[in-house]
ModelCIF file with pLDDT and N, C-alpha, C, O atoms, coordinates in Angstrom:
data_MODEL
#
_entry.id   MODEL 
#
_entity.id                         1 
_entity.type                       polymer 
_entity.pdbx_number_of_molecules   1 
#
_entity_poly.entity_id                      1 
_entity_poly.type                           'polypeptide(L)' 
_entity_poly.nstd_linkage                   no 
_entity_poly.nstd_monomer                   no 
_entity_poly.pdbx_seq_one_letter_code       AQLPAEAIYELKQGTNAGWPFTYYDQNLKKAMLSPEYGGDGAKPGD 
_entity_poly.pdbx_seq_one_letter_code_can   AQLPAEAIYELKQGTNAGWPFTYYDQNLKKAMLSPEYGGDGAKPGD 
_entity_poly.pdbx_strand_id                 A 
#
loop_
_entity_poly_seq.entity_id 
_entity_poly_seq.num 
_entity_poly_seq.mon_id 
_entity_poly_seq.hetero 
1 1  ALA n 
1 2  GLN n 
1 3  LEU n 
1 4  PRO n 
1 5  ALA n 
1 6  GLU n 
1 7  ALA n 
1 8  ILE n 
1 9  TYR n 
1 10 GLU n 
1 11 LEU n 
1 12 LYS n 
1 13 GLN n 
1 14 GLY n 
1 15 THR n 
1 16 ASN n 
1 17 ALA n 
1 18 GLY n 
1 19 TRP n 
1 20 PRO n 
1 21 PHE n 
1 22 THR n 
1 23 TYR n 
1 24 TYR n 
1 25 ASP n 
1 26 GLN n 
1 27 ASN n 
1 28 LEU n 
1 29 LYS n 
1 30 LYS n 
1 31 ALA n 
1 32 MET n 
1 33 LEU n 
1 34 SER n 
1 35 PRO n 
1 36 GLU n 
1 37 TYR n 
1 38 GLY n 
1 39 GLY n 
1 40 ASP n 
1 41 GLY n 
1 42 ALA n 
1 43 LYS n 
1 44 PRO n 
1 45 GLY n 
1 46 ASP n 
#
_struct_asym.id          A 
_struct_asym.entity_id   1 
#
loop_
_ma_qa_metric.id 
_ma_qa_metric.mode 
_ma_qa_metric.name 
_ma_qa_metric.software_group_id 
_ma_qa_metric.type 
1 global pLDDT . pLDDT 
2 local  pLDDT . pLDDT 
#
_ma_qa_metric_global.metric_id      1 
_ma_qa_metric_global.metric_value   93.07 
_ma_qa_metric_global.model_id       1 
_ma_qa_metric_global.ordinal_id     1 
#
loop_
_ma_qa_metric_local.label_asym_id 
_ma_qa_metric_local.label_comp_id 
_ma_qa_metric_local.label_seq_id 
_ma_qa_metric_local.metric_id 
_ma_qa_metric_local.metric_value 
_ma_qa_metric_local.model_id 
_ma_qa_metric_local.ordinal_id 
A ALA 1  2 74.00 1 1  
A GLN 2  2 84.00 1 2  
A LEU 3  2 89.00 1 3  
A PRO 4  2 93.00 1 4  
A ALA 5  2 94.00 1 5  
A GLU 6  2 95.00 1 6  
A ALA 7  2 95.00 1 7  
A ILE 8  2 95.00 1 8  
A TYR 9  2 94.00 1 9  
A GLU 10 2 92.00 1 10 
A LEU 11 2 91.00 1 11 
A LYS 12 2 92.00 1 12 
A GLN 13 2 95.00 1 13 
A GLY 14 2 92.00 1 14 
A THR 15 2 93.00 1 15 
A ASN 16 2 95.00 1 16 
A ALA 17 2 93.00 1 17 
A GLY 18 2 94.00 1 18 
A TRP 19 2 91.00 1 19 
A PRO 20 2 94.00 1 20 
A PHE 21 2 96.00 1 21 
A THR 22 2 96.00 1 22 
A TYR 23 2 95.00 1 23 
A TYR 24 2 95.00 1 24 
A ASP 25 2 94.00 1 25 
A GLN 26 2 93.00 1 26 
A ASN 27 2 91.00 1 27 
A LEU 28 2 94.00 1 28 
A LYS 29 2 93.00 1 29 
A LYS 30 2 94.00 1 30 
A ALA 31 2 95.00 1 31 
A MET 32 2 96.00 1 32 
A LEU 33 2 96.00 1 33 
A SER 34 2 95.00 1 34 
A PRO 35 2 93.00 1 35 
A GLU 36 2 94.00 1 36 
A TYR 37 2 95.00 1 37 
A GLY 38 2 94.00 1 38 
A GLY 39 2 94.00 1 39 
A ASP 40 2 93.00 1 40 
A GLY 41 2 90.00 1 41 
A ALA 42 2 94.00 1 42 
A LYS 43 2 96.00 1 43 
A PRO 44 2 94.00 1 44 
A GLY 45 2 94.00 1 45 
A ASP 46 2 92.00 1 46 
#
loop_
_atom_site.group_PDB 
_atom_site.id 
_atom_site.type_symbol 
_atom_site.label_atom_id 
_atom_site.label_alt_id 
_atom_site.label_comp_id 
_atom_site.label_asym_id 
_atom_site.label_entity_id 
_atom_site.label_seq_id 
_atom_site.pdbx_PDB_ins_code 
_atom_site.Cartn_x 
_atom_site.Cartn_y 
_atom_site.Cartn_z 
_atom_site.occupancy 
_atom_site.B_iso_or_equiv 
_atom_site.pdbx_formal_charge 
_atom_site.auth_seq_id 
_atom_site.auth_comp_id 
_atom_site.auth_asym_id 
_atom_site.auth_atom_id 
_atom_site.pdbx_PDB_model_num 
ATOM 1   N N  . ALA A 1 1  ? 0.815  -1.207  0.000   1.00 74.00 ? 1  ALA A N  1 
ATOM 2   C CA . ALA A 1 1  ? 0.000  0.000   0.000   1.00 74.00 ? 1  ALA A CA 1 
ATOM 3   C C  . ALA A 1 1  ? 0.854  1.264   0.000   1.00 74.00 ? 1  ALA A C  1 
ATOM 4   O O  . ALA A 1 1  ? 0.344  2.348   -0.284  1.00 74.00 ? 1  ALA A O  1 
ATOM 5   N N  . GLN A 1 2  ? 2.153  1.145   0.315   1.00 84.00 ? 2  GLN A N  1 
ATOM 6   C CA . GLN A 1 2  ? 3.028  2.312   0.395   1.00 84.00 ? 2  GLN A CA 1 
ATOM 7   C C  . GLN A 1 2  ? 4.116  2.353   -0.662  1.00 84.00 ? 2  GLN A C  1 
ATOM 8   O O  . GLN A 1 2  ? 4.690  3.410   -0.923  1.00 84.00 ? 2  GLN A O  1 
ATOM 9   N N  . LEU A 1 3  ? 4.402  1.219   -1.269  1.00 89.00 ? 3  LEU A N  1 
ATOM 10  C CA . LEU A 1 3  ? 5.535  1.120   -2.192  1.00 89.00 ? 3  LEU A CA 1 
ATOM 11  C C  . LEU A 1 3  ? 5.076  0.538   -3.527  1.00 89.00 ? 3  LEU A C  1 
ATOM 12  O O  . LEU A 1 3  ? 4.019  -0.090  -3.595  1.00 89.00 ? 3  LEU A O  1 
ATOM 13  N N  . PRO A 1 4  ? 5.842  0.736   -4.569  1.00 93.00 ? 4  PRO A N  1 
ATOM 14  C CA . PRO A 1 4  ? 7.078  1.499   -4.672  1.00 93.00 ? 4  PRO A CA 1 
ATOM 15  C C  . PRO A 1 4  ? 6.798  2.986   -4.800  1.00 93.00 ? 4  PRO A C  1 
ATOM 16  O O  . PRO A 1 4  ? 5.659  3.409   -4.997  1.00 93.00 ? 4  PRO A O  1 
ATOM 17  N N  . ALA A 1 5  ? 7.855  3.765   -4.684  1.00 94.00 ? 5  ALA A N  1 
ATOM 18  C CA . ALA A 1 5  ? 7.749  5.216   -4.828  1.00 94.00 ? 5  ALA A CA 1 
ATOM 19  C C  . ALA A 1 5  ? 7.328  5.574   -6.248  1.00 94.00 ? 5  ALA A C  1 
ATOM 20  O O  . ALA A 1 5  ? 7.618  4.848   -7.199  1.00 94.00 ? 5  ALA A O  1 
ATOM 21  N N  . GLU A 1 6  ? 6.642  6.699   -6.372  1.00 95.00 ? 6  GLU A N  1 
ATOM 22  C CA . GLU A 1 6  ? 6.415  7.323   -7.679  1.00 95.00 ? 6  GLU A CA 1 
ATOM 23  C C  . GLU A 1 6  ? 7.656  8.184   -7.890  1.00 95.00 ? 6  GLU A C  1 
ATOM 24  O O  . GLU A 1 6  ? 7.982  8.996   -7.024  1.00 95.00 ? 6  GLU A O  1 
ATOM 25  N N  . ALA A 1 7  ? 8.345  8.035   -8.994  1.00 95.00 ? 7  ALA A N  1 
ATOM 26  C CA . ALA A 1 7  ? 9.669  8.638   -9.126  1.00 95.00 ? 7  ALA A CA 1 
ATOM 27  C C  . ALA A 1 7  ? 9.860  9.392   -10.427 1.00 95.00 ? 7  ALA A C  1 
ATOM 28  O O  . ALA A 1 7  ? 9.232  9.094   -11.442 1.00 95.00 ? 7  ALA A O  1 
ATOM 29  N N  . ILE A 1 8  ? 10.744 10.375  -10.370 1.00 95.00 ? 8  ILE A N  1 
ATOM 30  C CA . ILE A 1 8  ? 11.222 11.091  -11.553 1.00 95.00 ? 8  ILE A CA 1 
ATOM 31  C C  . ILE A 1 8  ? 12.710 10.803  -11.666 1.00 95.00 ? 8  ILE A C  1 
ATOM 32  O O  . ILE A 1 8  ? 13.465 10.987  -10.710 1.00 95.00 ? 8  ILE A O  1 
ATOM 33  N N  . TYR A 1 9  ? 13.122 10.353  -12.840 1.00 94.00 ? 9  TYR A N  1 
ATOM 34  C CA . TYR A 1 9  ? 14.527 10.042  -13.095 1.00 94.00 ? 9  TYR A CA 1 
ATOM 35  C C  . TYR A 1 9  ? 15.107 11.028  -14.088 1.00 94.00 ? 9  TYR A C  1 
ATOM 36  O O  . TYR A 1 9  ? 14.422 11.466  -15.012 1.00 94.00 ? 9  TYR A O  1 
ATOM 37  N N  . GLU A 1 10 ? 16.369 11.375  -13.897 1.00 92.00 ? 10 GLU A N  1 
ATOM 38  C CA . GLU A 1 10 ? 17.106 12.142  -14.900 1.00 92.00 ? 10 GLU A CA 1 
ATOM 39  C C  . GLU A 1 10 ? 17.703 11.115  -15.859 1.00 92.00 ? 10 GLU A C  1 
ATOM 40  O O  . GLU A 1 10 ? 18.523 10.286  -15.467 1.00 92.00 ? 10 GLU A O  1 
ATOM 41  N N  . LEU A 1 11 ? 17.287 11.181  -17.101 1.00 91.00 ? 11 LEU A N  1 
ATOM 42  C CA . LEU A 1 11 ? 17.725 10.189  -18.075 1.00 91.00 ? 11 LEU A CA 1 
ATOM 43  C C  . LEU A 1 11 ? 18.945 10.670  -18.852 1.00 91.00 ? 11 LEU A C  1 
ATOM 44  O O  . LEU A 1 11 ? 18.992 11.800  -19.338 1.00 91.00 ? 11 LEU A O  1 
ATOM 45  N N  . LYS A 1 12 ? 19.910 9.799   -18.952 1.00 92.00 ? 12 LYS A N  1 
ATOM 46  C CA . LYS A 1 12 ? 21.114 10.016  -19.745 1.00 92.00 ? 12 LYS A CA 1 
ATOM 47  C C  . LYS A 1 12 ? 21.351 8.727   -20.524 1.00 92.00 ? 12 LYS A C  1 
ATOM 48  O O  . LYS A 1 12 ? 20.756 7.695   -20.214 1.00 92.00 ? 12 LYS A O  1 
ATOM 49  N N  . GLN A 1 13 ? 22.206 8.781   -21.519 1.00 95.00 ? 13 GLN A N  1 
ATOM 50  C CA . GLN A 1 13 ? 22.543 7.585   -22.282 1.00 95.00 ? 13 GLN A CA 1 
ATOM 51  C C  . GLN A 1 13 ? 22.951 6.460   -21.322 1.00 95.00 ? 13 GLN A C  1 
ATOM 52  O O  . GLN A 1 13 ? 23.866 6.638   -20.519 1.00 95.00 ? 13 GLN A O  1 
ATOM 53  N N  . GLY A 1 14 ? 22.289 5.323   -21.399 1.00 92.00 ? 14 GLY A N  1 
ATOM 54  C CA . GLY A 1 14 ? 22.633 4.171   -20.575 1.00 92.00 ? 14 GLY A CA 1 
ATOM 55  C C  . GLY A 1 14 ? 21.983 4.128   -19.207 1.00 92.00 ? 14 GLY A C  1 
ATOM 56  O O  . GLY A 1 14 ? 22.258 3.208   -18.437 1.00 92.00 ? 14 GLY A O  1 
ATOM 57  N N  . THR A 1 15 ? 21.128 5.092   -18.870 1.00 93.00 ? 15 THR A N  1 
ATOM 58  C CA . THR A 1 15 ? 20.458 5.078   -17.574 1.00 93.00 ? 15 THR A CA 1 
ATOM 59  C C  . THR A 1 15 ? 19.624 3.809   -17.418 1.00 93.00 ? 15 THR A C  1 
ATOM 60  O O  . THR A 1 15 ? 18.893 3.422   -18.330 1.00 93.00 ? 15 THR A O  1 
ATOM 61  N N  . ASN A 1 16 ? 19.739 3.167   -16.258 1.00 95.00 ? 16 ASN A N  1 
ATOM 62  C CA . ASN A 1 16 ? 18.960 1.972   -15.953 1.00 95.00 ? 16 ASN A CA 1 
ATOM 63  C C  . ASN A 1 16 ? 18.501 2.093   -14.504 1.00 95.00 ? 16 ASN A C  1 
ATOM 64  O O  . ASN A 1 16 ? 19.314 2.080   -13.580 1.00 95.00 ? 16 ASN A O  1 
ATOM 65  N N  . ALA A 1 17 ? 17.182 2.209   -14.319 1.00 93.00 ? 17 ALA A N  1 
ATOM 66  C CA . ALA A 1 17 ? 16.628 2.361   -12.975 1.00 93.00 ? 17 ALA A CA 1 
ATOM 67  C C  . ALA A 1 17 ? 16.367 1.019   -12.292 1.00 93.00 ? 17 ALA A C  1 
ATOM 68  O O  . ALA A 1 17 ? 15.962 0.985   -11.130 1.00 93.00 ? 17 ALA A O  1 
ATOM 69  N N  . GLY A 1 18 ? 16.596 -0.081  -13.003 1.00 94.00 ? 18 GLY A N  1 
ATOM 70  C CA . GLY A 1 18 ? 16.512 -1.384  -12.367 1.00 94.00 ? 18 GLY A CA 1 
ATOM 71  C C  . GLY A 1 18 ? 15.205 -2.131  -12.466 1.00 94.00 ? 18 GLY A C  1 
ATOM 72  O O  . GLY A 1 18 ? 15.132 -3.295  -12.071 1.00 94.00 ? 18 GLY A O  1 
ATOM 73  N N  . TRP A 1 19 ? 14.153 -1.485  -12.989 1.00 91.00 ? 19 TRP A N  1 
ATOM 74  C CA . TRP A 1 19 ? 12.870 -2.154  -13.075 1.00 91.00 ? 19 TRP A CA 1 
ATOM 75  C C  . TRP A 1 19 ? 12.937 -3.305  -14.052 1.00 91.00 ? 19 TRP A C  1 
ATOM 76  O O  . TRP A 1 19 ? 13.483 -3.120  -15.140 1.00 91.00 ? 19 TRP A O  1 
ATOM 77  N N  . PRO A 1 20 ? 12.432 -4.457  -13.747 1.00 94.00 ? 20 PRO A N  1 
ATOM 78  C CA . PRO A 1 20 ? 11.603 -4.850  -12.603 1.00 94.00 ? 20 PRO A CA 1 
ATOM 79  C C  . PRO A 1 20 ? 12.410 -5.474  -11.467 1.00 94.00 ? 20 PRO A C  1 
ATOM 80  O O  . PRO A 1 20 ? 11.831 -5.949  -10.490 1.00 94.00 ? 20 PRO A O  1 
ATOM 81  N N  . PHE A 1 21 ? 13.729 -5.479  -11.581 1.00 96.00 ? 21 PHE A N  1 
ATOM 82  C CA . PHE A 1 21 ? 14.568 -6.155  -10.586 1.00 96.00 ? 21 PHE A CA 1 
ATOM 83  C C  . PHE A 1 21 ? 14.626 -5.411  -9.253  1.00 96.00 ? 21 PHE A C  1 
ATOM 84  O O  . PHE A 1 21 ? 14.779 -6.026  -8.198  1.00 96.00 ? 21 PHE A O  1 
ATOM 85  N N  . THR A 1 22 ? 14.503 -4.080  -9.308  1.00 96.00 ? 22 THR A N  1 
ATOM 86  C CA . THR A 1 22 ? 14.510 -3.283  -8.078  1.00 96.00 ? 22 THR A CA 1 
ATOM 87  C C  . THR A 1 22 ? 13.343 -2.306  -8.097  1.00 96.00 ? 22 THR A C  1 
ATOM 88  O O  . THR A 1 22 ? 12.737 -2.052  -9.138  1.00 96.00 ? 22 THR A O  1 
ATOM 89  N N  . TYR A 1 23 ? 13.052 -1.780  -6.952  1.00 95.00 ? 23 TYR A N  1 
ATOM 90  C CA . TYR A 1 23 ? 12.088 -0.690  -6.818  1.00 95.00 ? 23 TYR A CA 1 
ATOM 91  C C  . TYR A 1 23 ? 12.703 0.318   -5.869  1.00 95.00 ? 23 TYR A C  1 
ATOM 92  O O  . TYR A 1 23 ? 13.590 -0.029  -5.089  1.00 95.00 ? 23 TYR A O  1 
ATOM 93  N N  . TYR A 1 24 ? 12.245 1.570   -5.922  1.00 95.00 ? 24 TYR A N  1 
ATOM 94  C CA . TYR A 1 24 ? 12.791 2.589   -5.034  1.00 95.00 ? 24 TYR A CA 1 
ATOM 95  C C  . TYR A 1 24 ? 11.866 2.750   -3.833  1.00 95.00 ? 24 TYR A C  1 
ATOM 96  O O  . TYR A 1 24 ? 10.662 2.954   -3.981  1.00 95.00 ? 24 TYR A O  1 
ATOM 97  N N  . ASP A 1 25 ? 12.455 2.654   -2.635  1.00 94.00 ? 25 ASP A N  1 
ATOM 98  C CA . ASP A 1 25 ? 11.732 2.830   -1.375  1.00 94.00 ? 25 ASP A CA 1 
ATOM 99  C C  . ASP A 1 25 ? 11.981 4.254   -0.896  1.00 94.00 ? 25 ASP A C  1 
ATOM 100 O O  . ASP A 1 25 ? 13.087 4.578   -0.462  1.00 94.00 ? 25 ASP A O  1 
ATOM 101 N N  . GLN A 1 26 ? 10.966 5.102   -0.970  1.00 93.00 ? 26 GLN A N  1 
ATOM 102 C CA . GLN A 1 26 ? 11.124 6.508   -0.590  1.00 93.00 ? 26 GLN A CA 1 
ATOM 103 C C  . GLN A 1 26 ? 11.357 6.691   0.901   1.00 93.00 ? 26 GLN A C  1 
ATOM 104 O O  . GLN A 1 26 ? 11.899 7.718   1.311   1.00 93.00 ? 26 GLN A O  1 
ATOM 105 N N  . ASN A 1 27 ? 10.968 5.730   1.719   1.00 91.00 ? 27 ASN A N  1 
ATOM 106 C CA . ASN A 1 27 ? 11.192 5.833   3.168   1.00 91.00 ? 27 ASN A CA 1 
ATOM 107 C C  . ASN A 1 27 ? 12.651 5.528   3.523   1.00 91.00 ? 27 ASN A C  1 
ATOM 108 O O  . ASN A 1 27 ? 13.255 6.221   4.342   1.00 91.00 ? 27 ASN A O  1 
ATOM 109 N N  . LEU A 1 28 ? 13.205 4.494   2.905   1.00 94.00 ? 28 LEU A N  1 
ATOM 110 C CA . LEU A 1 28 ? 14.603 4.121   3.149   1.00 94.00 ? 28 LEU A CA 1 
ATOM 111 C C  . LEU A 1 28 ? 15.573 4.933   2.295   1.00 94.00 ? 28 LEU A C  1 
ATOM 112 O O  . LEU A 1 28 ? 16.775 4.973   2.559   1.00 94.00 ? 28 LEU A O  1 
ATOM 113 N N  . LYS A 1 29 ? 15.018 5.587   1.257   1.00 93.00 ? 29 LYS A N  1 
ATOM 114 C CA . LYS A 1 29 ? 15.807 6.389   0.320   1.00 93.00 ? 29 LYS A CA 1 
ATOM 115 C C  . LYS A 1 29 ? 16.859 5.548   -0.407  1.00 93.00 ? 29 LYS A C  1 
ATOM 116 O O  . LYS A 1 29 ? 18.011 5.954   -0.564  1.00 93.00 ? 29 LYS A O  1 
ATOM 117 N N  . LYS A 1 30 ? 16.421 4.358   -0.845  1.00 94.00 ? 30 LYS A N  1 
ATOM 118 C CA . LYS A 1 30 ? 17.322 3.519   -1.626  1.00 94.00 ? 30 LYS A CA 1 
ATOM 119 C C  . LYS A 1 30 ? 16.541 2.485   -2.431  1.00 94.00 ? 30 LYS A C  1 
ATOM 120 O O  . LYS A 1 30 ? 15.383 2.175   -2.150  1.00 94.00 ? 30 LYS A O  1 
ATOM 121 N N  . ALA A 1 31 ? 17.227 1.971   -3.438  1.00 95.00 ? 31 ALA A N  1 
ATOM 122 C CA . ALA A 1 31 ? 16.640 0.920   -4.268  1.00 95.00 ? 31 ALA A CA 1 
ATOM 123 C C  . ALA A 1 31 ? 16.705 -0.404  -3.515  1.00 95.00 ? 31 ALA A C  1 
ATOM 124 O O  . ALA A 1 31 ? 17.699 -0.721  -2.861  1.00 95.00 ? 31 ALA A O  1 
ATOM 125 N N  . MET A 1 32 ? 15.637 -1.154  -3.623  1.00 96.00 ? 32 MET A N  1 
ATOM 126 C CA . MET A 1 32 ? 15.528 -2.441  -2.943  1.00 96.00 ? 32 MET A CA 1 
ATOM 127 C C  . MET A 1 32 ? 15.291 -3.539  -3.974  1.00 96.00 ? 32 MET A C  1 
ATOM 128 O O  . MET A 1 32 ? 14.709 -3.296  -5.031  1.00 96.00 ? 32 MET A O  1 
ATOM 129 N N  . LEU A 1 33 ? 15.747 -4.747  -3.657  1.00 96.00 ? 33 LEU A N  1 
ATOM 130 C CA . LEU A 1 33 ? 15.526 -5.891  -4.523  1.00 96.00 ? 33 LEU A CA 1 
ATOM 131 C C  . LEU A 1 33 ? 14.039 -6.243  -4.513  1.00 96.00 ? 33 LEU A C  1 
ATOM 132 O O  . LEU A 1 33 ? 13.443 -6.397  -3.448  1.00 96.00 ? 33 LEU A O  1 
ATOM 133 N N  . SER A 1 34 ? 13.444 -6.369  -5.693  1.00 95.00 ? 34 SER A N  1 
ATOM 134 C CA . SER A 1 34 ? 12.014 -6.682  -5.803  1.00 95.00 ? 34 SER A CA 1 
ATOM 135 C C  . SER A 1 34 ? 11.720 -8.084  -5.275  1.00 95.00 ? 34 SER A C  1 
ATOM 136 O O  . SER A 1 34 ? 12.543 -8.986  -5.434  1.00 95.00 ? 34 SER A O  1 
ATOM 137 N N  . PRO A 1 35 ? 10.558 -8.282  -4.650  1.00 93.00 ? 35 PRO A N  1 
ATOM 138 C CA . PRO A 1 35 ? 10.205 -9.589  -4.094  1.00 93.00 ? 35 PRO A CA 1 
ATOM 139 C C  . PRO A 1 35 ? 10.225 -10.708 -5.136  1.00 93.00 ? 35 PRO A C  1 
ATOM 140 O O  . PRO A 1 35 ? 10.557 -11.850 -4.819  1.00 93.00 ? 35 PRO A O  1 
ATOM 141 N N  . GLU A 1 36 ? 9.872  -10.382 -6.369  1.00 94.00 ? 36 GLU A N  1 
ATOM 142 C CA . GLU A 1 36 ? 9.848  -11.388 -7.432  1.00 94.00 ? 36 GLU A CA 1 
ATOM 143 C C  . GLU A 1 36 ? 11.241 -11.925 -7.752  1.00 94.00 ? 36 GLU A C  1 
ATOM 144 O O  . GLU A 1 36 ? 11.387 -12.964 -8.396  1.00 94.00 ? 36 GLU A O  1 
ATOM 145 N N  . TYR A 1 37 ? 12.259 -11.202 -7.291  1.00 95.00 ? 37 TYR A N  1 
ATOM 146 C CA . TYR A 1 37 ? 13.653 -11.595 -7.562  1.00 95.00 ? 37 TYR A CA 1 
ATOM 147 C C  . TYR A 1 37 ? 14.417 -11.885 -6.277  1.00 95.00 ? 37 TYR A C  1 
ATOM 148 O O  . TYR A 1 37 ? 15.642 -11.775 -6.240  1.00 95.00 ? 37 TYR A O  1 
ATOM 149 N N  . GLY A 1 38 ? 13.690 -12.258 -5.217  1.00 94.00 ? 38 GLY A N  1 
ATOM 150 C CA . GLY A 1 38 ? 14.316 -12.655 -3.964  1.00 94.00 ? 38 GLY A CA 1 
ATOM 151 C C  . GLY A 1 38 ? 14.348 -11.591 -2.895  1.00 94.00 ? 38 GLY A C  1 
ATOM 152 O O  . GLY A 1 38 ? 14.892 -11.827 -1.816  1.00 94.00 ? 38 GLY A O  1 
ATOM 153 N N  . GLY A 1 39 ? 13.781 -10.425 -3.157  1.00 94.00 ? 39 GLY A N  1 
ATOM 154 C CA . GLY A 1 39 ? 13.768 -9.349  -2.163  1.00 94.00 ? 39 GLY A CA 1 
ATOM 155 C C  . GLY A 1 39 ? 12.787 -9.631  -1.040  1.00 94.00 ? 39 GLY A C  1 
ATOM 156 O O  . GLY A 1 39 ? 11.779 -10.311 -1.225  1.00 94.00 ? 39 GLY A O  1 
ATOM 157 N N  . ASP A 1 40 ? 13.107 -9.091  0.128   1.00 93.00 ? 40 ASP A N  1 
ATOM 158 C CA . ASP A 1 40 ? 12.256 -9.296  1.302   1.00 93.00 ? 40 ASP A CA 1 
ATOM 159 C C  . ASP A 1 40 ? 11.961 -7.981  2.024   1.00 93.00 ? 40 ASP A C  1 
ATOM 160 O O  . ASP A 1 40 ? 11.513 -7.986  3.171   1.00 93.00 ? 40 ASP A O  1 
ATOM 161 N N  . GLY A 1 41 ? 12.212 -6.865  1.358   1.00 90.00 ? 41 GLY A N  1 
ATOM 162 C CA . GLY A 1 41 ? 12.013 -5.558  1.975   1.00 90.00 ? 41 GLY A CA 1 
ATOM 163 C C  . GLY A 1 41 ? 13.236 -5.074  2.724   1.00 90.00 ? 41 GLY A C  1 
ATOM 164 O O  . GLY A 1 41 ? 13.273 -3.927  3.171   1.00 90.00 ? 41 GLY A O  1 
ATOM 165 N N  . ALA A 1 42 ? 14.248 -5.936  2.870   1.00 94.00 ? 42 ALA A N  1 
ATOM 166 C CA . ALA A 1 42 ? 15.482 -5.566  3.565   1.00 94.00 ? 42 ALA A CA 1 
ATOM 167 C C  . ALA A 1 42 ? 16.705 -5.660  2.654   1.00 94.00 ? 42 ALA A C  1 
ATOM 168 O O  . ALA A 1 42 ? 17.730 -5.037  2.927   1.00 94.00 ? 42 ALA A O  1 
ATOM 169 N N  . LYS A 1 43 ? 16.603 -6.433  1.576   1.00 96.00 ? 43 LYS A N  1 
ATOM 170 C CA . LYS A 1 43 ? 17.745 -6.610  0.672   1.00 96.00 ? 43 LYS A CA 1 
ATOM 171 C C  . LYS A 1 43 ? 17.826 -5.445  -0.306  1.00 96.00 ? 43 LYS A C  1 
ATOM 172 O O  . LYS A 1 43 ? 16.882 -5.187  -1.052  1.00 96.00 ? 43 LYS A O  1 
ATOM 173 N N  . PRO A 1 44 ? 18.953 -4.743  -0.301  1.00 94.00 ? 44 PRO A N  1 
ATOM 174 C CA . PRO A 1 44 ? 19.096 -3.621  -1.232  1.00 94.00 ? 44 PRO A CA 1 
ATOM 175 C C  . PRO A 1 44 ? 19.230 -4.105  -2.669  1.00 94.00 ? 44 PRO A C  1 
ATOM 176 O O  . PRO A 1 44 ? 19.637 -5.238  -2.930  1.00 94.00 ? 44 PRO A O  1 
ATOM 177 N N  . GLY A 1 45 ? 18.876 -3.213  -3.593  1.00 94.00 ? 45 GLY A N  1 
ATOM 178 C CA . GLY A 1 45 ? 19.061 -3.499  -5.010  1.00 94.00 ? 45 GLY A CA 1 
ATOM 179 C C  . GLY A 1 45 ? 20.520 -3.315  -5.393  1.00 94.00 ? 45 GLY A C  1 
ATOM 180 O O  . GLY A 1 45 ? 21.318 -2.806  -4.606  1.00 94.00 ? 45 GLY A O  1 
ATOM 181 N N  . ASP A 1 46 ? 20.858 -3.723  -6.584  1.00 92.00 ? 46 ASP A N  1 
ATOM 182 C CA . ASP A 1 46 ? 22.216 -3.600  -7.105  1.00 92.00 ? 46 ASP A CA 1 
ATOM 183 C C  . ASP A 1 46 ? 22.572 -2.121  -7.256  1.00 92.00 ? 46 ASP A C  1 
ATOM 184 O O  . ASP A 1 46 ? 23.679 -1.793  -7.683  1.00 92.00 ? 46 ASP A O  1 
#
C-alpha cells in the first residue's frame, strides 16, 4: 500500500533504474531488490 515510490529520473545515455529487478523505497531512500527476484524488503538493489 506504500511502495514502490512514484519517481522522476534524470535520463542520460545508458540510464537503468533497475525495473523490474529493483524498486525505489522513498522511506529508506534507496533501491531495494524486488520480491519477485528474492527481495524481502530488507535486501538492497544492485
